[in-house]
Amino acid sequence: MQHTNIKTTIGDKTDFVKLGSLVKTNVGFYFIASSIGALKIDHHNVFVISAASPIGQLLLGKKVGDSFLFNKLNQTIAALY
């Protein structure tokens, strides 16, 4: 299996979190799509979550630099793709 760079696989950067966004936080990566759980891509754990999930609802519309609290853990968005 060929390894690919997770950021170039997803696509161009975006200004805000929406369906299809890859969100990098200080804690990890989230991909907003149909929920399938965690995947290991390019040596990173990526949580594939639904936009309708509680964390998906918190992320939608957020921008780089925005923070949110989920499960008593404060996270800050570092990058969007």
Protein backbone atom coordinates (compact mmCIF):
# COMPACT_ATOMS: atom_id res chain seq x y z
CA MET A 1 0.00 0.00 0.00
CA GLN A 2 1.29 3.43 -0.93
CA HIS A 3 1.45 6.07 1.82
CA THR A 4 0.08 9.51 1.04
CA ASN A 5 0.24 12.79 2.84
CA ILE A 6 -3.02 13.29 4.72
CA LYS A 7 -3.18 17.03 4.03
CA THR A 8 -2.78 16.71 0.25
CA THR A 9 -5.24 13.83 0.14
CA ILE A 10 -8.03 15.93 1.63
CA GLY A 11 -7.60 19.01 -0.56
CA ASP A 12 -7.26 22.76 -0.30
CA LYS A 13 -7.44 24.81 2.87
CA THR A 14 -10.77 26.30 3.90
CA ASP A 15 -11.66 29.29 6.09
CA PHE A 16 -14.17 27.54 8.36
CA VAL A 17 -15.17 24.03 9.42
CA LYS A 18 -17.77 22.45 7.13
CA LEU A 19 -18.71 19.01 5.85
CA GLY A 20 -15.56 17.53 4.30
CA SER A 21 -13.14 19.57 6.42
CA LEU A 22 -10.05 18.08 8.00
CA VAL A 23 -9.58 19.87 11.32
CA LYS A 24 -6.23 19.87 13.12
CA THR A 25 -6.41 20.79 16.80
CA ASN A 26 -3.84 20.84 19.57
CA VAL A 27 -5.21 17.40 20.52
CA GLY A 28 -5.57 15.66 17.15
CA PHE A 29 -7.29 15.50 13.76
CA TYR A 30 -11.02 15.36 12.99
CA PHE A 31 -12.53 14.71 9.56
CA ILE A 32 -16.13 15.86 9.16
CA ALA A 33 -17.97 13.20 7.11
CA SER A 34 -20.03 10.08 7.83
CA SER A 35 -18.96 8.80 11.21
CA ILE A 36 -16.75 5.71 10.98
CA GLY A 37 -14.55 6.15 14.03
CA ALA A 38 -10.78 6.50 14.20
CA LEU A 39 -8.37 5.86 11.33
CA LYS A 40 -4.57 5.91 11.28
CA ILE A 41 -3.39 7.97 8.30
CA ASP A 42 0.17 9.13 7.69
CA HIS A 43 1.09 8.23 11.31
CA HIS A 44 -1.78 10.36 12.67
CA ASN A 45 -4.97 9.25 14.39
CA VAL A 46 -7.88 10.85 12.55
CA PHE A 47 -11.33 10.78 14.11
CA VAL A 48 -13.91 10.60 11.32
CA ILE A 49 -17.00 12.21 12.79
CA SER A 50 -20.47 13.17 11.64
CA ALA A 51 -21.47 16.82 11.39
CA ALA A 52 -24.53 15.86 13.46
CA SER A 53 -22.44 14.42 16.33
CA PRO A 54 -21.93 16.51 19.48
CA ILE A 55 -18.31 17.32 18.59
CA GLY A 56 -19.25 17.87 14.95
CA GLN A 57 -21.84 20.44 16.05
CA LEU A 58 -19.19 22.19 18.16
CA LEU A 59 -16.75 22.33 15.22
CA LEU A 60 -19.05 23.48 12.40
CA GLY A 61 -18.40 27.12 11.45
CA LYS A 62 -15.28 27.47 13.61
CA LYS A 63 -12.08 29.02 12.23
CA VAL A 64 -8.36 28.63 12.88
CA GLY A 65 -7.59 29.97 16.34
CA ASP A 66 -11.07 29.24 17.71
CA SER A 67 -11.30 27.10 20.84
CA PHE A 68 -13.97 24.71 22.06
CA LEU A 69 -14.56 22.50 25.07
CA PHE A 70 -15.42 18.83 24.56
CA ASN A 71 -15.41 16.16 27.29
CA LYS A 72 -13.78 18.65 29.68
CA LEU A 73 -10.85 19.08 27.27
CA ASN A 74 -10.15 22.52 25.80
CA GLN A 75 -9.05 22.30 22.17
CA THR A 76 -7.87 24.99 19.76
CA ILE A 77 -8.09 24.72 15.99
CA ALA A 78 -4.56 24.91 14.55
CA ALA A 79 -5.33 24.35 10.84
CA LEU A 80 -8.16 23.53 8.44
CA TYR A 81 -7.99 21.63 5.16
